[in-house]
N, C-alpha and C. Protein backbone atom coordinates (compact mmCIF):
# COMPACT_ATOMS: atom_id res chain seq x y z
N MET A 1 -21.74 -24.17 -11.91
CA MET A 1 -20.48 -23.48 -12.16
C MET A 1 -20.12 -22.64 -10.93
N ILE A 2 -18.84 -22.61 -10.64
CA ILE A 2 -18.31 -21.82 -9.54
C ILE A 2 -17.56 -20.63 -10.13
N ARG A 3 -17.96 -19.45 -9.70
CA ARG A 3 -17.24 -18.23 -10.12
C ARG A 3 -16.22 -17.91 -9.03
N LEU A 4 -14.98 -17.84 -9.44
CA LEU A 4 -13.87 -17.64 -8.52
C LEU A 4 -13.00 -16.51 -9.04
N THR A 5 -12.54 -15.66 -8.14
CA THR A 5 -11.57 -14.65 -8.52
C THR A 5 -10.33 -14.81 -7.68
N TYR A 6 -9.21 -14.46 -8.28
CA TYR A 6 -7.95 -14.47 -7.54
C TYR A 6 -7.23 -13.16 -7.82
N CYS A 7 -6.81 -12.53 -6.74
CA CYS A 7 -6.20 -11.21 -6.82
C CYS A 7 -4.81 -11.29 -6.21
N ASP A 8 -3.81 -11.12 -7.07
CA ASP A 8 -2.42 -11.21 -6.64
C ASP A 8 -1.59 -10.34 -7.57
N ASP A 9 -0.68 -9.56 -7.00
CA ASP A 9 0.14 -8.68 -7.83
C ASP A 9 1.24 -9.44 -8.57
N SER A 10 1.45 -10.70 -8.24
CA SER A 10 2.47 -11.51 -8.91
C SER A 10 1.88 -12.22 -10.13
N MET A 11 2.40 -11.88 -11.30
CA MET A 11 1.94 -12.53 -12.53
C MET A 11 2.22 -14.03 -12.47
N LEU A 12 3.36 -14.42 -11.91
CA LEU A 12 3.69 -15.84 -11.81
C LEU A 12 2.67 -16.58 -10.95
N GLN A 13 2.26 -15.95 -9.84
CA GLN A 13 1.27 -16.59 -8.96
C GLN A 13 -0.09 -16.69 -9.65
N ARG A 14 -0.48 -15.64 -10.38
CA ARG A 14 -1.75 -15.69 -11.11
C ARG A 14 -1.73 -16.79 -12.16
N ARG A 15 -0.62 -16.93 -12.87
CA ARG A 15 -0.50 -17.98 -13.89
C ARG A 15 -0.58 -19.37 -13.26
N ALA A 16 0.09 -19.53 -12.14
CA ALA A 16 0.07 -20.83 -11.44
C ALA A 16 -1.36 -21.16 -11.00
N ILE A 17 -2.04 -20.21 -10.39
CA ILE A 17 -3.42 -20.45 -9.94
C ILE A 17 -4.30 -20.78 -11.13
N ASP A 18 -4.13 -20.07 -12.22
CA ASP A 18 -4.93 -20.34 -13.43
C ASP A 18 -4.75 -21.79 -13.88
N GLU A 19 -3.51 -22.25 -13.96
CA GLU A 19 -3.23 -23.63 -14.37
C GLU A 19 -3.79 -24.64 -13.37
N TRP A 20 -3.60 -24.36 -12.08
CA TRP A 20 -4.09 -25.27 -11.04
C TRP A 20 -5.61 -25.36 -11.06
N LEU A 21 -6.29 -24.25 -11.35
CA LEU A 21 -7.75 -24.28 -11.42
C LEU A 21 -8.23 -25.19 -12.55
N LYS A 22 -7.53 -25.16 -13.69
CA LYS A 22 -7.89 -26.04 -14.81
C LYS A 22 -7.74 -27.51 -14.41
N ILE A 23 -6.65 -27.82 -13.73
CA ILE A 23 -6.41 -29.20 -13.29
C ILE A 23 -7.45 -29.62 -12.25
N TYR A 24 -7.71 -28.72 -11.29
CA TYR A 24 -8.70 -29.00 -10.24
C TYR A 24 -10.07 -29.26 -10.86
N SER A 25 -10.47 -28.42 -11.80
CA SER A 25 -11.76 -28.58 -12.48
C SER A 25 -11.88 -29.95 -13.13
N ALA A 26 -10.83 -30.34 -13.84
CA ALA A 26 -10.84 -31.63 -14.53
C ALA A 26 -10.88 -32.80 -13.53
N LYS A 27 -10.11 -32.70 -12.45
CA LYS A 27 -10.06 -33.77 -11.46
C LYS A 27 -11.38 -33.92 -10.71
N LYS A 28 -12.01 -32.79 -10.40
CA LYS A 28 -13.22 -32.80 -9.57
C LYS A 28 -14.50 -32.82 -10.38
N GLY A 29 -14.39 -32.61 -11.69
CA GLY A 29 -15.57 -32.59 -12.53
C GLY A 29 -16.48 -31.41 -12.24
N VAL A 30 -15.88 -30.30 -11.87
CA VAL A 30 -16.63 -29.09 -11.58
C VAL A 30 -16.15 -27.98 -12.50
N THR A 31 -17.07 -27.16 -12.95
CA THR A 31 -16.69 -26.06 -13.82
C THR A 31 -16.37 -24.84 -12.97
N ILE A 32 -15.18 -24.31 -13.14
CA ILE A 32 -14.76 -23.11 -12.41
C ILE A 32 -14.42 -22.03 -13.42
N GLU A 33 -15.07 -20.89 -13.26
CA GLU A 33 -14.72 -19.72 -14.05
C GLU A 33 -13.78 -18.89 -13.18
N GLY A 34 -12.51 -18.83 -13.55
CA GLY A 34 -11.51 -18.08 -12.80
C GLY A 34 -11.26 -16.72 -13.41
N VAL A 35 -11.39 -15.68 -12.60
CA VAL A 35 -11.20 -14.32 -13.08
C VAL A 35 -10.04 -13.69 -12.30
N PRO A 36 -8.91 -13.42 -12.97
CA PRO A 36 -7.74 -12.86 -12.28
C PRO A 36 -7.79 -11.33 -12.20
N PHE A 37 -7.23 -10.81 -11.11
CA PHE A 37 -7.00 -9.37 -10.95
C PHE A 37 -5.60 -9.19 -10.41
N SER A 38 -4.92 -8.13 -10.85
CA SER A 38 -3.57 -7.86 -10.37
C SER A 38 -3.55 -6.81 -9.26
N THR A 39 -4.67 -6.13 -9.06
CA THR A 39 -4.74 -5.15 -7.96
C THR A 39 -6.07 -5.27 -7.24
N GLY A 40 -6.04 -4.94 -5.96
CA GLY A 40 -7.26 -4.92 -5.18
C GLY A 40 -8.22 -3.86 -5.68
N THR A 41 -7.69 -2.75 -6.15
CA THR A 41 -8.52 -1.66 -6.66
C THR A 41 -9.35 -2.14 -7.86
N ASP A 42 -8.74 -2.90 -8.75
CA ASP A 42 -9.46 -3.41 -9.92
C ASP A 42 -10.56 -4.39 -9.50
N LEU A 43 -10.26 -5.25 -8.53
CA LEU A 43 -11.27 -6.20 -8.06
C LEU A 43 -12.44 -5.47 -7.41
N ILE A 44 -12.14 -4.50 -6.55
CA ILE A 44 -13.20 -3.73 -5.90
C ILE A 44 -14.05 -3.01 -6.94
N SER A 45 -13.43 -2.44 -7.95
CA SER A 45 -14.16 -1.77 -9.01
C SER A 45 -15.13 -2.73 -9.70
N ALA A 46 -14.68 -3.95 -9.95
CA ALA A 46 -15.54 -4.95 -10.58
C ALA A 46 -16.73 -5.29 -9.68
N VAL A 47 -16.47 -5.45 -8.39
CA VAL A 47 -17.54 -5.76 -7.44
C VAL A 47 -18.52 -4.58 -7.35
N GLU A 48 -18.01 -3.38 -7.32
CA GLU A 48 -18.86 -2.18 -7.29
C GLU A 48 -19.76 -2.12 -8.52
N ASN A 49 -19.27 -2.66 -9.63
CA ASN A 49 -20.03 -2.65 -10.87
C ASN A 49 -20.87 -3.92 -11.07
N GLY A 50 -21.04 -4.70 -10.00
CA GLY A 50 -21.95 -5.83 -10.04
C GLY A 50 -21.36 -7.21 -10.18
N ALA A 51 -20.04 -7.34 -10.29
CA ALA A 51 -19.43 -8.67 -10.39
C ALA A 51 -19.60 -9.40 -9.06
N THR A 52 -19.96 -10.67 -9.14
CA THR A 52 -20.09 -11.49 -7.94
C THR A 52 -19.29 -12.77 -8.13
N PHE A 53 -18.78 -13.26 -7.03
CA PHE A 53 -17.96 -14.47 -7.06
C PHE A 53 -18.34 -15.37 -5.89
N ASP A 54 -18.19 -16.67 -6.11
CA ASP A 54 -18.44 -17.64 -5.05
C ASP A 54 -17.23 -17.75 -4.13
N ILE A 55 -16.03 -17.59 -4.71
CA ILE A 55 -14.78 -17.71 -3.94
C ILE A 55 -13.85 -16.57 -4.35
N TYR A 56 -13.26 -15.95 -3.33
CA TYR A 56 -12.28 -14.88 -3.52
C TYR A 56 -10.95 -15.36 -2.95
N ILE A 57 -9.90 -15.39 -3.77
CA ILE A 57 -8.55 -15.72 -3.30
C ILE A 57 -7.78 -14.40 -3.33
N LEU A 58 -7.38 -13.94 -2.15
CA LEU A 58 -6.80 -12.60 -2.02
C LEU A 58 -5.40 -12.65 -1.43
N ASP A 59 -4.46 -12.08 -2.16
CA ASP A 59 -3.11 -11.90 -1.63
C ASP A 59 -3.18 -10.81 -0.56
N ILE A 60 -2.51 -11.00 0.54
CA ILE A 60 -2.52 -10.01 1.61
C ILE A 60 -1.66 -8.81 1.27
N ILE A 61 -0.43 -9.06 0.81
CA ILE A 61 0.50 -7.96 0.59
C ILE A 61 0.53 -7.59 -0.89
N MET A 62 -0.15 -6.48 -1.19
CA MET A 62 -0.18 -5.95 -2.55
C MET A 62 0.12 -4.46 -2.47
N PRO A 63 0.59 -3.87 -3.56
CA PRO A 63 1.00 -2.47 -3.52
C PRO A 63 -0.12 -1.45 -3.29
N ASP A 64 -1.33 -1.76 -3.73
CA ASP A 64 -2.38 -0.75 -3.59
C ASP A 64 -3.20 -0.98 -2.32
N LEU A 65 -3.96 -2.02 -2.25
CA LEU A 65 -4.75 -2.36 -1.07
C LEU A 65 -4.31 -3.72 -0.56
N LYS A 66 -4.25 -3.88 0.74
CA LYS A 66 -3.94 -5.18 1.32
C LYS A 66 -5.16 -6.08 1.15
N GLY A 67 -4.92 -7.38 1.12
CA GLY A 67 -6.01 -8.33 0.92
C GLY A 67 -7.13 -8.21 1.93
N ASN A 68 -6.79 -7.94 3.21
CA ASN A 68 -7.85 -7.80 4.20
C ASN A 68 -8.67 -6.53 3.97
N GLU A 69 -8.04 -5.49 3.41
CA GLU A 69 -8.79 -4.27 3.05
C GLU A 69 -9.74 -4.55 1.90
N VAL A 70 -9.28 -5.35 0.94
CA VAL A 70 -10.12 -5.74 -0.18
C VAL A 70 -11.31 -6.55 0.34
N ALA A 71 -11.04 -7.48 1.24
CA ALA A 71 -12.11 -8.30 1.81
C ALA A 71 -13.15 -7.45 2.53
N MET A 72 -12.70 -6.47 3.28
CA MET A 72 -13.65 -5.58 3.99
C MET A 72 -14.52 -4.82 3.00
N LYS A 73 -13.91 -4.34 1.91
CA LYS A 73 -14.67 -3.62 0.88
C LYS A 73 -15.68 -4.56 0.21
N ILE A 74 -15.26 -5.78 -0.09
CA ILE A 74 -16.17 -6.75 -0.69
C ILE A 74 -17.37 -6.95 0.21
N ARG A 75 -17.13 -7.07 1.52
CA ARG A 75 -18.21 -7.31 2.47
C ARG A 75 -19.16 -6.12 2.60
N GLU A 76 -18.73 -4.95 2.18
CA GLU A 76 -19.64 -3.81 2.15
C GLU A 76 -20.69 -3.99 1.05
N TYR A 77 -20.35 -4.76 0.02
CA TYR A 77 -21.24 -4.98 -1.11
C TYR A 77 -22.00 -6.29 -1.02
N THR A 78 -21.37 -7.30 -0.43
CA THR A 78 -22.00 -8.61 -0.35
C THR A 78 -21.44 -9.41 0.83
N LYS A 79 -22.31 -10.18 1.43
CA LYS A 79 -21.87 -11.11 2.49
C LYS A 79 -21.63 -12.49 1.89
N GLU A 80 -21.95 -12.63 0.62
CA GLU A 80 -21.80 -13.91 -0.08
C GLU A 80 -20.35 -14.09 -0.54
N GLY A 81 -19.99 -15.34 -0.76
CA GLY A 81 -18.65 -15.65 -1.27
C GLY A 81 -17.69 -16.00 -0.15
N LYS A 82 -16.92 -17.01 -0.39
CA LYS A 82 -15.93 -17.49 0.58
C LYS A 82 -14.58 -16.86 0.26
N ILE A 83 -13.85 -16.50 1.30
CA ILE A 83 -12.56 -15.82 1.14
C ILE A 83 -11.42 -16.72 1.59
N ILE A 84 -10.39 -16.78 0.75
CA ILE A 84 -9.14 -17.48 1.06
C ILE A 84 -8.04 -16.44 0.93
N PHE A 85 -7.19 -16.35 1.94
CA PHE A 85 -6.08 -15.41 1.90
C PHE A 85 -4.77 -16.12 1.55
N LEU A 86 -3.90 -15.41 0.84
CA LEU A 86 -2.54 -15.86 0.53
C LEU A 86 -1.57 -14.80 1.02
N SER A 87 -0.41 -15.23 1.48
CA SER A 87 0.61 -14.25 1.83
C SER A 87 1.98 -14.90 1.93
N SER A 88 2.98 -14.08 1.79
CA SER A 88 4.35 -14.57 1.93
C SER A 88 4.81 -14.50 3.38
N THR A 89 3.95 -14.04 4.27
CA THR A 89 4.31 -13.95 5.68
C THR A 89 3.28 -14.68 6.54
N SER A 90 3.73 -15.25 7.63
CA SER A 90 2.81 -15.94 8.54
C SER A 90 2.27 -14.98 9.60
N ALA A 91 2.61 -13.70 9.48
CA ALA A 91 2.22 -12.72 10.49
C ALA A 91 0.81 -12.18 10.29
N PHE A 92 0.01 -12.85 9.48
CA PHE A 92 -1.35 -12.38 9.23
C PHE A 92 -2.23 -12.63 10.43
N ASP A 93 -3.01 -11.63 10.79
CA ASP A 93 -3.99 -11.75 11.86
C ASP A 93 -5.23 -11.02 11.39
N SER A 94 -6.32 -11.72 11.26
CA SER A 94 -7.54 -11.09 10.76
C SER A 94 -8.19 -10.28 11.88
N GLN A 95 -7.59 -9.15 12.20
CA GLN A 95 -8.10 -8.28 13.24
C GLN A 95 -9.41 -7.62 12.82
N ASP A 96 -9.69 -7.65 11.55
CA ASP A 96 -10.86 -6.96 11.03
C ASP A 96 -12.13 -7.79 11.15
N ASN A 97 -12.05 -8.91 11.85
CA ASN A 97 -13.20 -9.80 12.03
C ASN A 97 -13.79 -10.25 10.70
N ILE A 98 -12.92 -10.52 9.77
CA ILE A 98 -13.35 -11.00 8.45
C ILE A 98 -13.51 -12.51 8.53
N ASP A 99 -14.67 -12.98 8.12
CA ASP A 99 -14.92 -14.41 8.08
C ASP A 99 -14.23 -14.97 6.83
N TYR A 100 -13.32 -15.91 7.01
CA TYR A 100 -12.60 -16.47 5.87
C TYR A 100 -12.42 -17.97 6.05
N VAL A 101 -12.23 -18.64 4.94
CA VAL A 101 -12.10 -20.10 4.93
C VAL A 101 -10.74 -20.53 5.45
N GLY A 102 -9.69 -19.85 4.99
CA GLY A 102 -8.35 -20.24 5.38
C GLY A 102 -7.30 -19.29 4.86
N TYR A 103 -6.07 -19.64 5.21
CA TYR A 103 -4.92 -18.78 4.95
C TYR A 103 -3.76 -19.66 4.51
N LEU A 104 -3.20 -19.37 3.34
CA LEU A 104 -2.07 -20.15 2.82
C LEU A 104 -0.83 -19.27 2.74
N ILE A 105 0.29 -19.82 3.17
CA ILE A 105 1.55 -19.09 3.14
C ILE A 105 2.30 -19.48 1.87
N LYS A 106 2.70 -18.45 1.11
CA LYS A 106 3.47 -18.65 -0.12
C LYS A 106 4.89 -19.09 0.20
N PRO A 107 5.50 -19.85 -0.65
CA PRO A 107 4.95 -20.36 -1.90
C PRO A 107 3.96 -21.49 -1.61
N ILE A 108 2.83 -21.45 -2.29
CA ILE A 108 1.82 -22.48 -2.09
C ILE A 108 1.99 -23.56 -3.15
N SER A 109 1.48 -24.72 -2.83
CA SER A 109 1.50 -25.83 -3.79
C SER A 109 0.09 -26.03 -4.33
N ALA A 110 0.00 -26.74 -5.41
CA ALA A 110 -1.30 -27.05 -5.99
C ALA A 110 -2.15 -27.82 -4.98
N ASP A 111 -1.54 -28.78 -4.28
CA ASP A 111 -2.30 -29.58 -3.31
C ASP A 111 -2.85 -28.73 -2.17
N GLN A 112 -2.08 -27.75 -1.72
CA GLN A 112 -2.58 -26.86 -0.67
C GLN A 112 -3.79 -26.08 -1.18
N LEU A 113 -3.70 -25.58 -2.39
CA LEU A 113 -4.82 -24.84 -2.96
C LEU A 113 -6.02 -25.76 -3.14
N TYR A 114 -5.81 -26.97 -3.62
CA TYR A 114 -6.91 -27.91 -3.82
C TYR A 114 -7.62 -28.21 -2.51
N ASP A 115 -6.86 -28.43 -1.44
CA ASP A 115 -7.46 -28.69 -0.13
C ASP A 115 -8.32 -27.51 0.32
N MET A 116 -7.81 -26.30 0.11
CA MET A 116 -8.54 -25.11 0.51
C MET A 116 -9.79 -24.93 -0.36
N LEU A 117 -9.68 -25.22 -1.65
CA LEU A 117 -10.85 -25.14 -2.52
C LEU A 117 -11.91 -26.16 -2.11
N ASP A 118 -11.48 -27.37 -1.76
CA ASP A 118 -12.43 -28.38 -1.28
C ASP A 118 -13.20 -27.84 -0.08
N LYS A 119 -12.49 -27.22 0.83
CA LYS A 119 -13.11 -26.68 2.04
C LYS A 119 -14.08 -25.55 1.70
N ALA A 120 -13.67 -24.64 0.83
CA ALA A 120 -14.51 -23.50 0.45
C ALA A 120 -15.76 -23.97 -0.29
N ILE A 121 -15.59 -24.90 -1.21
CA ILE A 121 -16.72 -25.40 -1.99
C ILE A 121 -17.71 -26.13 -1.10
N ALA A 122 -17.21 -26.89 -0.13
CA ALA A 122 -18.10 -27.58 0.82
C ALA A 122 -18.93 -26.57 1.61
N GLN A 123 -18.34 -25.41 1.92
CA GLN A 123 -19.06 -24.39 2.68
C GLN A 123 -20.08 -23.64 1.82
N LEU A 124 -19.92 -23.71 0.50
CA LEU A 124 -20.89 -23.05 -0.38
C LEU A 124 -22.25 -23.75 -0.30
N GLY A 125 -22.22 -25.02 0.04
CA GLY A 125 -23.48 -25.74 0.21
C GLY A 125 -23.90 -26.57 -0.92
């Protein structure tokens, strides 16, 4: 089983990812437990309290913490887990030296997400 979290302040984006994960799981024959968060603060709180994930999908532009800030906080607790960033802007630059699988520009398609998941899962080993 793959534990995956997705953090995005857009309810529509979270719903889309949830549906796409179900389809991806069925197509690939892999079990994915998807855990949504609407704020970076909530995700960090979960990680601080022991939650671990194999894959983190993080929106860059959120009202509380930016996705790269969330990623840096996650890395303070664990070096495990692959990170995928989402954003509505192409101006993202990982100046924070965060190791990540890839970056998708919104609006994303299911196929784009599936390709990125394939890449992240392959890196899990």
